[in-house]
């Protein structure tokens, strides 16, 4: 999985397309991450290095900083998010707001 040379052509512009191409996205992200040794990973674009416990942060970094055009628009408020983790956290906020509004009625 690591070191794959997938090329990004800018065609995955919406969350609907990104969801349909989840495996492609994963390969694309891993293509920009280099395993340096036991427990150490590096972004091939800018050199950011993380240990095993920071691999999720490194994947989020690659997705938001080095994959231009990949956007996650919120269908509720229209906010544009730059990685799937941000998008999921954002939707959780809307769900919580919805729940709070139901309890207050």
N, C-alpha and C. Protein backbone atom coordinates (compact mmCIF):
# COMPACT_ATOMS: atom_id res chain seq x y z
N UNK A 1 0.82 -1.18 0.00
CA UNK A 1 0.00 0.00 0.00
C UNK A 1 0.86 1.25 0.00
N UNK A 2 1.92 1.26 0.77
CA UNK A 2 2.78 2.43 0.85
C UNK A 2 3.64 2.54 -0.40
N UNK A 3 3.95 3.78 -0.79
CA UNK A 3 4.84 3.99 -1.92
C UNK A 3 4.19 3.83 -3.28
N UNK A 4 2.88 3.70 -3.33
CA UNK A 4 2.17 3.58 -4.59
C UNK A 4 2.31 4.88 -5.37
N UNK A 5 2.50 4.80 -6.67
CA UNK A 5 2.69 6.00 -7.49
C UNK A 5 1.40 6.43 -8.18
N UNK A 6 0.29 6.51 -7.45
CA UNK A 6 -0.97 6.95 -8.02
C UNK A 6 -0.85 8.42 -8.40
N UNK A 7 -1.41 8.76 -9.55
CA UNK A 7 -1.37 10.15 -10.00
C UNK A 7 -2.71 10.81 -9.75
N UNK A 8 -2.70 12.02 -9.24
CA UNK A 8 -3.93 12.75 -8.97
C UNK A 8 -4.25 13.65 -10.14
N UNK A 9 -5.43 13.48 -10.72
CA UNK A 9 -5.78 14.26 -11.90
C UNK A 9 -6.78 15.38 -11.60
N UNK A 10 -7.15 15.57 -10.33
CA UNK A 10 -8.05 16.65 -9.97
C UNK A 10 -9.51 16.35 -10.23
N UNK A 11 -9.86 15.12 -10.58
CA UNK A 11 -11.23 14.81 -10.96
C UNK A 11 -12.15 14.53 -9.78
N UNK A 12 -11.60 14.31 -8.59
CA UNK A 12 -12.45 14.00 -7.43
C UNK A 12 -12.72 15.28 -6.66
N UNK A 13 -13.69 16.04 -7.09
CA UNK A 13 -13.93 17.36 -6.52
C UNK A 13 -15.00 17.39 -5.43
N UNK A 14 -15.82 16.37 -5.29
CA UNK A 14 -16.89 16.43 -4.30
C UNK A 14 -16.82 15.22 -3.39
N UNK A 15 -17.48 15.33 -2.25
CA UNK A 15 -17.50 14.22 -1.30
C UNK A 15 -18.19 13.01 -1.90
N UNK A 16 -19.19 13.20 -2.76
CA UNK A 16 -19.87 12.07 -3.39
C UNK A 16 -18.88 11.27 -4.22
N UNK A 17 -18.06 11.95 -5.02
CA UNK A 17 -17.05 11.25 -5.82
C UNK A 17 -15.99 10.62 -4.92
N UNK A 18 -15.58 11.34 -3.88
CA UNK A 18 -14.55 10.84 -2.98
C UNK A 18 -15.02 9.58 -2.28
N UNK A 19 -16.28 9.54 -1.86
CA UNK A 19 -16.81 8.34 -1.21
C UNK A 19 -16.82 7.17 -2.18
N UNK A 20 -17.16 7.43 -3.43
CA UNK A 20 -17.20 6.37 -4.43
C UNK A 20 -15.80 5.86 -4.76
N UNK A 21 -14.80 6.65 -4.47
CA UNK A 21 -13.42 6.29 -4.80
C UNK A 21 -12.53 6.21 -3.56
N UNK A 22 -13.09 5.66 -2.47
CA UNK A 22 -12.36 5.62 -1.20
C UNK A 22 -11.02 4.90 -1.31
N UNK A 23 -10.99 3.78 -2.00
CA UNK A 23 -9.73 3.04 -2.16
C UNK A 23 -8.72 3.84 -2.96
N UNK A 24 -9.16 4.53 -4.00
CA UNK A 24 -8.29 5.37 -4.81
C UNK A 24 -7.68 6.47 -3.94
N UNK A 25 -8.52 7.09 -3.11
CA UNK A 25 -8.05 8.15 -2.21
C UNK A 25 -7.00 7.63 -1.25
N UNK A 26 -7.23 6.44 -0.69
CA UNK A 26 -6.27 5.84 0.24
C UNK A 26 -4.92 5.63 -0.44
N UNK A 27 -4.94 5.07 -1.65
CA UNK A 27 -3.70 4.83 -2.39
C UNK A 27 -3.00 6.15 -2.70
N UNK A 28 -3.80 7.14 -3.04
CA UNK A 28 -3.26 8.45 -3.36
C UNK A 28 -2.56 9.07 -2.15
N UNK A 29 -3.18 8.98 -1.00
CA UNK A 29 -2.59 9.51 0.23
C UNK A 29 -1.30 8.76 0.56
N UNK A 30 -1.36 7.42 0.51
CA UNK A 30 -0.17 6.62 0.85
C UNK A 30 0.95 6.82 -0.16
N UNK A 31 0.61 7.24 -1.39
CA UNK A 31 1.66 7.46 -2.40
C UNK A 31 2.54 8.65 -2.01
N UNK A 32 2.07 9.47 -1.08
CA UNK A 32 2.83 10.65 -0.64
C UNK A 32 3.41 10.47 0.76
N UNK A 33 3.39 9.22 1.25
CA UNK A 33 3.94 8.92 2.58
C UNK A 33 5.02 7.86 2.43
N UNK A 34 6.18 8.16 3.00
CA UNK A 34 7.32 7.26 2.94
C UNK A 34 7.56 6.66 4.32
N UNK A 35 7.69 5.34 4.38
CA UNK A 35 8.03 4.69 5.65
C UNK A 35 9.54 4.74 5.80
N UNK A 36 10.00 5.42 6.85
CA UNK A 36 11.44 5.61 7.05
C UNK A 36 12.09 4.45 7.79
N UNK A 37 11.35 3.80 8.60
CA UNK A 37 11.87 2.70 9.42
C UNK A 37 10.80 2.29 10.39
N UNK A 38 11.17 1.57 11.40
CA UNK A 38 10.19 1.11 12.38
C UNK A 38 9.57 2.31 13.09
N UNK A 39 8.27 2.51 12.87
CA UNK A 39 7.54 3.55 13.58
C UNK A 39 7.78 4.97 13.14
N UNK A 40 8.26 5.19 11.92
CA UNK A 40 8.54 6.54 11.46
C UNK A 40 8.10 6.72 10.01
N UNK A 41 7.30 7.77 9.76
CA UNK A 41 6.75 8.04 8.43
C UNK A 41 7.00 9.49 8.05
N UNK A 42 7.15 9.75 6.74
CA UNK A 42 7.46 11.09 6.27
C UNK A 42 6.63 11.45 5.05
N UNK A 43 6.17 12.70 5.01
CA UNK A 43 5.48 13.24 3.84
C UNK A 43 6.53 13.46 2.75
N UNK A 44 6.30 12.89 1.57
CA UNK A 44 7.28 13.02 0.49
C UNK A 44 7.24 14.40 -0.16
N UNK A 45 6.20 15.16 0.10
CA UNK A 45 6.07 16.50 -0.50
C UNK A 45 6.85 17.57 0.28
N UNK A 46 6.78 17.52 1.62
CA UNK A 46 7.38 18.61 2.40
C UNK A 46 8.33 18.12 3.50
N UNK A 47 8.41 16.81 3.71
CA UNK A 47 9.34 16.27 4.69
C UNK A 47 8.81 16.16 6.11
N UNK A 48 7.54 16.52 6.35
CA UNK A 48 6.97 16.38 7.68
C UNK A 48 7.08 14.93 8.13
N UNK A 49 7.58 14.71 9.32
CA UNK A 49 7.80 13.35 9.83
C UNK A 49 6.97 13.12 11.09
N UNK A 50 6.38 11.93 11.16
CA UNK A 50 5.58 11.54 12.33
C UNK A 50 5.91 10.11 12.70
N UNK A 51 5.74 9.81 13.97
CA UNK A 51 5.88 8.45 14.45
C UNK A 51 4.59 7.69 14.21
N UNK A 52 4.56 6.43 14.60
CA UNK A 52 3.38 5.59 14.39
C UNK A 52 2.13 6.21 15.00
N UNK A 53 2.25 6.83 16.16
CA UNK A 53 1.08 7.41 16.81
C UNK A 53 0.56 8.63 16.06
N UNK A 54 1.34 9.19 15.15
CA UNK A 54 0.93 10.37 14.40
C UNK A 54 0.57 10.08 12.95
N UNK A 55 0.40 8.82 12.60
CA UNK A 55 0.14 8.47 11.20
C UNK A 55 -1.18 9.04 10.71
N UNK A 56 -2.20 9.09 11.56
CA UNK A 56 -3.48 9.67 11.16
C UNK A 56 -3.30 11.16 10.87
N UNK A 57 -2.57 11.84 11.72
CA UNK A 57 -2.31 13.27 11.49
C UNK A 57 -1.54 13.47 10.19
N UNK A 58 -0.61 12.59 9.88
CA UNK A 58 0.17 12.70 8.65
C UNK A 58 -0.73 12.46 7.42
N UNK A 59 -1.62 11.48 7.50
CA UNK A 59 -2.56 11.23 6.40
C UNK A 59 -3.48 12.44 6.21
N UNK A 60 -3.97 13.02 7.30
CA UNK A 60 -4.81 14.22 7.19
C UNK A 60 -4.03 15.38 6.59
N UNK A 61 -2.76 15.51 6.99
CA UNK A 61 -1.88 16.54 6.45
C UNK A 61 -1.76 16.40 4.93
N UNK A 62 -1.45 15.21 4.46
CA UNK A 62 -1.28 14.96 3.02
C UNK A 62 -2.57 15.28 2.28
N UNK A 63 -3.68 14.81 2.82
CA UNK A 63 -4.97 15.00 2.16
C UNK A 63 -5.33 16.48 2.05
N UNK A 64 -5.10 17.25 3.10
CA UNK A 64 -5.51 18.65 3.08
C UNK A 64 -4.48 19.59 2.46
N UNK A 65 -3.20 19.27 2.54
CA UNK A 65 -2.15 20.19 2.06
C UNK A 65 -1.62 19.86 0.66
N UNK A 66 -1.63 18.59 0.29
CA UNK A 66 -0.95 18.20 -0.94
C UNK A 66 -1.84 17.55 -1.99
N UNK A 67 -3.15 17.53 -1.78
CA UNK A 67 -4.07 17.01 -2.78
C UNK A 67 -5.06 18.12 -3.15
N UNK A 68 -4.61 19.09 -3.94
CA UNK A 68 -5.46 20.24 -4.27
C UNK A 68 -6.72 19.81 -5.03
N UNK A 69 -7.80 20.49 -4.76
CA UNK A 69 -9.04 20.21 -5.47
C UNK A 69 -9.92 19.17 -4.81
N UNK A 70 -9.40 18.43 -3.86
CA UNK A 70 -10.21 17.45 -3.16
C UNK A 70 -10.95 18.18 -2.05
N UNK A 71 -12.25 18.32 -2.21
CA UNK A 71 -13.04 19.10 -1.27
C UNK A 71 -14.18 18.27 -0.71
N UNK A 72 -14.59 18.61 0.49
CA UNK A 72 -15.71 17.97 1.17
C UNK A 72 -16.72 19.05 1.55
N UNK A 73 -17.66 19.38 0.66
CA UNK A 73 -18.63 20.42 0.98
C UNK A 73 -19.73 19.89 1.92
N UNK A 74 -20.06 20.66 2.94
CA UNK A 74 -21.13 20.30 3.86
C UNK A 74 -22.46 20.54 3.16
N UNK A 75 -23.30 19.53 3.11
CA UNK A 75 -24.60 19.66 2.46
C UNK A 75 -25.58 20.47 3.30
N UNK A 76 -25.26 20.70 4.57
CA UNK A 76 -26.16 21.43 5.46
C UNK A 76 -25.90 22.93 5.42
N UNK A 77 -24.61 23.33 5.54
CA UNK A 77 -24.31 24.77 5.62
C UNK A 77 -23.44 25.28 4.48
N UNK A 78 -22.90 24.38 3.66
CA UNK A 78 -22.09 24.79 2.53
C UNK A 78 -20.61 24.98 2.80
N UNK A 79 -20.19 24.83 4.05
CA UNK A 79 -18.77 24.99 4.38
C UNK A 79 -17.95 23.95 3.63
N UNK A 80 -16.79 24.36 3.12
CA UNK A 80 -15.88 23.47 2.40
C UNK A 80 -14.79 23.01 3.36
N UNK A 81 -14.62 21.69 3.48
CA UNK A 81 -13.59 21.13 4.34
C UNK A 81 -12.56 20.43 3.45
N UNK A 82 -11.32 20.35 3.95
CA UNK A 82 -10.23 19.87 3.09
C UNK A 82 -9.81 18.43 3.31
N UNK A 83 -10.39 17.75 4.33
CA UNK A 83 -10.11 16.32 4.45
C UNK A 83 -11.28 15.62 5.09
N UNK A 84 -11.32 14.31 4.94
CA UNK A 84 -12.47 13.53 5.40
C UNK A 84 -12.64 13.60 6.92
N UNK A 85 -11.55 13.69 7.65
CA UNK A 85 -11.64 13.78 9.11
C UNK A 85 -12.34 15.08 9.53
N UNK A 86 -11.95 16.19 8.92
CA UNK A 86 -12.60 17.48 9.21
C UNK A 86 -14.09 17.42 8.86
N UNK A 87 -14.39 16.81 7.72
CA UNK A 87 -15.78 16.69 7.26
C UNK A 87 -16.62 15.91 8.27
N UNK A 88 -16.10 14.77 8.72
CA UNK A 88 -16.84 13.94 9.67
C UNK A 88 -17.03 14.66 11.00
N UNK A 89 -16.00 15.36 11.47
CA UNK A 89 -16.13 16.13 12.72
C UNK A 89 -17.16 17.25 12.56
N UNK A 90 -17.16 17.89 11.41
CA UNK A 90 -18.10 18.97 11.13
C UNK A 90 -19.54 18.44 11.13
N UNK A 91 -19.77 17.31 10.48
CA UNK A 91 -21.12 16.73 10.46
C UNK A 91 -21.58 16.34 11.86
N UNK A 92 -20.66 15.90 12.70
CA UNK A 92 -21.00 15.56 14.08
C UNK A 92 -21.52 16.79 14.82
N UNK A 93 -20.91 17.95 14.56
CA UNK A 93 -21.39 19.19 15.18
C UNK A 93 -22.84 19.48 14.78
N UNK A 94 -23.16 19.30 13.49
CA UNK A 94 -24.53 19.52 13.03
C UNK A 94 -25.48 18.53 13.71
N UNK A 95 -25.08 17.28 13.81
CA UNK A 95 -25.93 16.26 14.45
C UNK A 95 -26.18 16.62 15.92
N UNK A 96 -25.13 17.07 16.60
CA UNK A 96 -25.27 17.47 18.00
C UNK A 96 -26.20 18.68 18.15
N UNK A 97 -26.07 19.64 17.25
CA UNK A 97 -26.95 20.81 17.27
C UNK A 97 -28.40 20.38 17.07
N UNK A 98 -28.60 19.45 16.14
CA UNK A 98 -29.93 18.94 15.85
C UNK A 98 -30.53 18.27 17.09
N UNK A 99 -29.72 17.43 17.75
CA UNK A 99 -30.15 16.74 18.97
C UNK A 99 -30.51 17.74 20.06
N UNK A 100 -29.66 18.74 20.24
CA UNK A 100 -29.92 19.77 21.26
C UNK A 100 -31.21 20.52 20.98
N UNK A 101 -31.46 20.81 19.72
CA UNK A 101 -32.70 21.50 19.35
C UNK A 101 -33.93 20.64 19.63
N UNK A 102 -33.83 19.34 19.41
CA UNK A 102 -34.95 18.43 19.69
C UNK A 102 -35.25 18.39 21.19
N UNK A 103 -34.21 18.36 22.03
CA UNK A 103 -34.39 18.29 23.47
C UNK A 103 -34.95 19.58 24.05
N UNK A 104 -34.70 20.70 23.38
CA UNK A 104 -35.16 21.99 23.88
C UNK A 104 -36.62 22.28 23.53
N UNK A 105 -37.18 21.50 22.62
CA UNK A 105 -38.57 21.75 22.20
C UNK A 105 -39.56 21.22 23.20
